[in-house]
Amino acid sequence: MAAMSFAMTSATPACRPSIRLGEAPYTLDDLVDDAIGVLDGYSIPAAHVVGMSLGGMIGQIAALKYPSRMLSLTAISSSPVGTDTTHLPKFSEAFAEHLAVGEAVDWSDRDQVIAHLVMDGCVLAGAHPFEEAQVRAFIERDYDRAGGYLSATNHGTLRVGDAWRGRLHEMKAPLLVIHGTADPIFPIEHGIALSEAVRGAKLVRIEGGGHELHRSDWGTIIGAIVRHTGTK
């Protein structure tokens, strides 16, 4: 039995400077195949998969494309793939303003990037207190580890292929949806729609939770995943 998780973004390793902001040379399906490739590399036949935001979408497609490799799926702060979501609430005004500010950021400037991502954490924090010092320290370590964030926002350019439209009802993997009630990117209605699209899916609401994994919610999130996967 194995577990796999993936989050919403990935930074560009220093060894791949040719990947430029907004010019991802890969597709969403490529990321799905990469995730399954990790299982192949470790000779793991199937795994419990946890994905957040875009990671949750990758997990949904993986569950449709590789049903035999998915013991279960937990989608956190995500949105239903291949579904018309135009009737669902859009991201918050505060997040829209933050995106506009981000367009002027020089992503090769360490200080600018770190300042922007600290503010990003504040905007995504929902109703929880924002732990600025801890967030800043983490971002600084992560920036230096990754050698920069040149392609960190490329995920925003990825789109769901037509092959997956209208197919969520086919999902066989047990689905757990975890969603914050104050999510500024995907409001709670997205989590509700996802849980309603898959037969037998369960929804856990994180009261006041934003688009984040806040420390105060870890117990609730971990407990829900343990119960969902039947692991201890």
Protein backbone atom coordinates (compact mmCIF):
# COMPACT_ATOMS: atom_id res chain seq x y z
CA MET A 1 0.00 0.00 0.00
CA ALA A 2 1.37 3.40 -0.94
CA ALA A 3 0.42 7.03 -0.81
CA MET A 4 1.17 9.81 -3.26
CA SER A 5 0.54 13.52 -3.04
CA PHE A 6 1.08 16.47 -5.28
CA ALA A 7 0.34 20.15 -4.86
CA MET A 8 -0.70 23.00 -7.07
CA THR A 9 2.65 24.33 -8.25
CA SER A 10 6.21 23.28 -8.86
CA ALA A 11 9.23 25.53 -9.08
CA THR A 12 11.77 25.38 -11.86
CA PRO A 13 14.97 23.52 -10.93
CA ALA A 14 18.13 25.50 -11.53
CA CYS A 15 19.13 22.98 -14.18
CA ARG A 16 16.14 23.92 -16.38
CA PRO A 17 16.44 27.69 -16.98
CA SER A 18 14.98 27.42 -20.48
CA ILE A 19 11.41 27.02 -19.20
CA ARG A 20 9.97 30.53 -19.21
CA LEU A 21 7.07 32.11 -17.35
CA GLY A 22 3.77 31.29 -19.00
CA GLU A 23 5.33 29.02 -21.61
CA ALA A 24 4.91 25.53 -20.19
CA PRO A 25 6.28 22.93 -22.65
CA TYR A 26 3.99 20.30 -21.14
CA THR A 27 0.30 19.56 -20.79
CA LEU A 28 -1.95 18.56 -17.92
CA ASP A 29 -1.94 15.01 -19.26
CA ASP A 30 1.86 15.05 -19.12
CA LEU A 31 1.65 15.81 -15.39
CA VAL A 32 -0.81 12.93 -14.94
CA ASP A 33 1.54 10.56 -16.76
CA ASP A 34 4.45 11.83 -14.65
CA ALA A 35 2.58 10.96 -11.45
CA ILE A 36 1.88 7.44 -12.66
CA GLY A 37 5.49 7.24 -13.81
CA VAL A 38 6.57 7.71 -10.20
CA LEU A 39 4.56 4.63 -9.25
CA ASP A 40 6.13 2.73 -12.13
CA GLY A 41 9.60 3.79 -11.04
CA TYR A 42 9.04 2.31 -7.60
CA SER A 43 7.13 -0.75 -8.89
CA ILE A 44 4.02 0.32 -6.98
CA PRO A 45 0.86 -1.14 -8.54
CA ALA A 46 -1.59 1.33 -6.97
CA ALA A 47 -1.64 4.15 -4.43
CA HIS A 48 -3.82 6.41 -2.33
CA VAL A 49 -3.51 9.78 -4.05
CA VAL A 50 -3.85 13.21 -2.42
CA GLY A 51 -3.82 16.33 -4.58
CA MET A 52 -4.40 19.99 -3.79
CA SER A 53 -5.80 22.58 -6.23
CA LEU A 54 -4.29 21.72 -9.63
CA GLY A 55 -2.99 18.56 -7.94
CA GLY A 56 -6.59 17.61 -7.24
CA MET A 57 -7.39 18.03 -10.92
CA ILE A 58 -4.38 15.90 -11.86
CA GLY A 59 -5.71 13.28 -9.46
CA GLN A 60 -9.17 13.37 -11.04
CA ILE A 61 -7.76 12.78 -14.52
CA ALA A 62 -5.45 10.06 -13.20
CA ALA A 63 -8.43 8.31 -11.66
CA LEU A 64 -10.19 8.35 -15.03
CA LYS A 65 -7.15 7.48 -17.16
CA TYR A 66 -5.54 4.93 -14.83
CA PRO A 67 -8.37 3.55 -12.65
CA SER A 68 -6.46 0.42 -11.66
CA ARG A 69 -3.62 2.52 -10.18
CA MET A 70 -5.83 4.50 -7.77
CA LEU A 71 -6.75 3.02 -4.41
CA SER A 72 -8.45 6.29 -3.49
CA LEU A 73 -8.35 10.00 -4.27
CA THR A 74 -8.45 12.95 -1.90
CA ALA A 75 -8.94 16.30 -3.67
CA ILE A 76 -8.23 19.38 -1.55
CA SER A 77 -9.23 22.92 -2.59
CA SER A 78 -9.90 21.76 -6.13
CA SER A 79 -12.56 22.04 -8.84
CA PRO A 80 -14.34 19.41 -10.96
CA VAL A 81 -12.48 18.70 -14.21
CA GLY A 82 -14.25 18.43 -17.53
CA THR A 83 -17.29 20.14 -16.05
CA ASP A 84 -19.01 23.42 -16.91
CA THR A 85 -18.20 25.58 -13.90
CA THR A 86 -19.30 28.91 -15.36
CA HIS A 87 -22.25 28.99 -12.96
CA LEU A 88 -19.98 28.61 -9.93
CA PRO A 89 -18.51 31.61 -8.05
CA LYS A 90 -15.24 32.98 -9.41
CA PHE A 91 -12.19 33.82 -7.33
CA SER A 92 -12.40 36.66 -4.84
CA GLU A 93 -11.81 40.33 -5.63
CA ALA A 94 -8.78 40.33 -3.33
CA PHE A 95 -7.22 37.46 -5.28
CA ALA A 96 -7.99 39.16 -8.60
CA GLU A 97 -6.18 42.28 -7.39
CA HIS A 98 -3.26 40.14 -6.24
CA LEU A 99 -3.01 38.54 -9.69
CA ALA A 100 -2.91 41.97 -11.28
CA VAL A 101 -0.03 43.00 -9.02
CA GLY A 102 1.78 39.78 -9.91
CA GLU A 103 1.94 40.78 -13.56
CA ALA A 104 4.54 43.42 -12.66
CA VAL A 105 6.75 41.09 -10.63
CA ASP A 106 10.23 40.41 -11.95
CA TRP A 107 10.39 36.64 -11.36
CA SER A 108 14.18 36.66 -11.57
CA ASP A 109 14.39 39.10 -8.62
CA ARG A 110 14.54 37.13 -5.36
CA ASP A 111 13.30 39.96 -3.14
CA GLN A 112 10.35 40.80 -5.40
CA VAL A 113 9.30 37.20 -5.75
CA ILE A 114 9.49 36.45 -2.04
CA ALA A 115 7.55 39.61 -1.15
CA HIS A 116 4.88 38.72 -3.70
CA LEU A 117 4.54 35.13 -2.48
CA VAL A 118 4.32 36.23 1.14
CA MET A 119 1.38 38.42 0.12
CA ASP A 120 0.06 35.44 -1.83
CA GLY A 121 0.01 33.43 1.38
CA CYS A 122 -1.85 36.24 3.12
CA VAL A 123 -4.52 36.42 0.41
CA LEU A 124 -5.00 32.64 0.43
CA ALA A 125 -5.24 32.34 4.21
CA GLY A 126 -9.00 32.58 4.37
CA ALA A 127 -10.31 33.42 7.83
CA HIS A 128 -7.24 32.03 9.62
CA PRO A 129 -4.60 34.25 11.25
CA PHE A 130 -1.72 34.77 8.82
CA GLU A 131 1.60 33.54 10.17
CA GLU A 132 3.82 35.88 8.14
CA ALA A 133 7.17 35.05 9.74
CA GLN A 134 6.73 31.31 9.24
CA VAL A 135 5.46 31.73 5.69
CA ARG A 136 8.33 34.04 4.74
CA ALA A 137 10.94 31.67 6.18
CA PHE A 138 9.46 28.74 4.25
CA ILE A 139 9.30 30.67 0.97
CA GLU A 140 12.91 31.84 1.34
CA ARG A 141 14.10 28.26 1.90
CA ASP A 142 12.01 26.96 -0.98
CA TYR A 143 13.15 29.69 -3.37
CA ASP A 144 16.80 28.96 -2.64
CA ARG A 145 16.26 25.21 -2.90
CA ALA A 146 14.57 25.52 -6.28
CA GLY A 147 16.97 28.05 -7.76
CA GLY A 148 14.12 30.45 -8.47
CA TYR A 149 10.47 30.36 -9.45
CA LEU A 150 10.70 31.20 -13.13
CA SER A 151 7.96 28.74 -14.14
CA ALA A 152 6.06 28.63 -10.86
CA THR A 153 2.89 30.05 -12.41
CA ASN A 154 2.94 27.97 -15.59
CA HIS A 155 0.26 25.72 -14.12
CA GLY A 156 -2.21 28.57 -14.66
CA THR A 157 -1.89 28.12 -18.42
CA LEU A 158 -2.76 24.41 -18.39
CA ARG A 159 -6.21 23.33 -19.56
CA VAL A 160 -8.23 20.11 -19.29
CA GLY A 161 -8.32 18.20 -22.57
CA ASP A 162 -11.59 17.47 -24.33
CA ALA A 163 -11.11 13.75 -23.68
CA TRP A 164 -12.06 14.26 -20.02
CA ARG A 165 -15.14 16.44 -20.43
CA GLY A 166 -18.30 15.10 -18.84
CA ARG A 167 -16.65 11.96 -17.50
CA LEU A 168 -16.35 12.47 -13.74
CA HIS A 169 -19.31 10.14 -13.19
CA GLU A 170 -17.06 7.33 -14.46
CA MET A 171 -14.64 7.65 -11.55
CA LYS A 172 -14.28 4.37 -9.64
CA ALA A 173 -11.74 5.42 -7.01
CA PRO A 174 -13.31 6.37 -3.66
CA LEU A 175 -13.27 10.17 -3.57
CA LEU A 176 -12.85 12.46 -0.58
CA VAL A 177 -13.22 16.20 -1.15
CA ILE A 178 -11.73 18.56 1.44
CA HIS A 179 -12.52 22.24 0.93
CA GLY A 180 -12.25 25.45 2.92
CA THR A 181 -15.37 27.56 3.31
CA ALA A 182 -13.33 30.75 2.72
CA ASP A 183 -11.32 29.59 -0.30
CA PRO A 184 -10.59 32.72 -2.41
CA ILE A 185 -9.60 30.80 -5.57
CA PHE A 186 -12.15 27.99 -5.72
CA PRO A 187 -15.07 28.95 -3.46
CA ILE A 188 -16.66 26.10 -1.53
CA GLU A 189 -19.24 25.62 -4.29
CA HIS A 190 -16.49 24.06 -6.42
CA GLY A 191 -15.84 21.43 -3.77
CA ILE A 192 -19.55 20.75 -3.44
CA ALA A 193 -19.90 20.36 -7.22
CA LEU A 194 -17.00 17.92 -7.31
CA SER A 195 -18.43 15.82 -4.49
CA GLU A 196 -21.80 15.71 -6.23
CA ALA A 197 -20.28 14.67 -9.57
CA VAL A 198 -18.86 11.37 -8.29
CA ARG A 199 -21.06 8.67 -6.83
CA GLY A 200 -20.35 7.97 -3.16
CA ALA A 201 -17.95 10.90 -2.74
CA LYS A 202 -17.57 12.47 0.70
CA LEU A 203 -17.15 16.18 1.45
CA VAL A 204 -15.32 17.60 4.47
CA ARG A 205 -15.71 21.35 4.94
CA ILE A 206 -12.91 23.25 6.64
CA GLU A 207 -14.63 26.14 8.40
CA GLY A 208 -12.80 29.38 7.63
CA GLY A 209 -10.21 27.52 5.56
CA GLY A 210 -8.70 29.30 2.57
CA HIS A 211 -6.68 27.93 -0.34
CA GLU A 212 -4.10 26.51 2.02
CA LEU A 213 -3.22 23.79 4.50
CA HIS A 214 -3.28 25.85 7.67
CA ARG A 215 -1.58 24.33 10.68
CA SER A 216 -4.75 24.62 12.78
CA ASP A 217 -6.58 22.40 10.26
CA TRP A 218 -3.97 19.66 10.04
CA GLY A 219 -5.73 17.45 12.57
CA THR A 220 -9.02 17.62 10.67
CA ILE A 221 -7.39 17.08 7.29
CA ILE A 222 -5.15 14.22 8.38
CA GLY A 223 -7.95 12.53 10.29
CA ALA A 224 -10.26 12.69 7.28
CA ILE A 225 -7.62 11.22 4.96
CA VAL A 226 -6.78 8.42 7.42
CA ARG A 227 -10.44 7.47 7.71
CA HIS A 228 -10.90 7.67 3.93
CA THR A 229 -7.92 5.47 3.12
CA GLY A 230 -8.39 3.06 6.01
CA THR A 231 -4.76 3.56 7.03
CA LYS A 232 -3.31 4.06 10.52
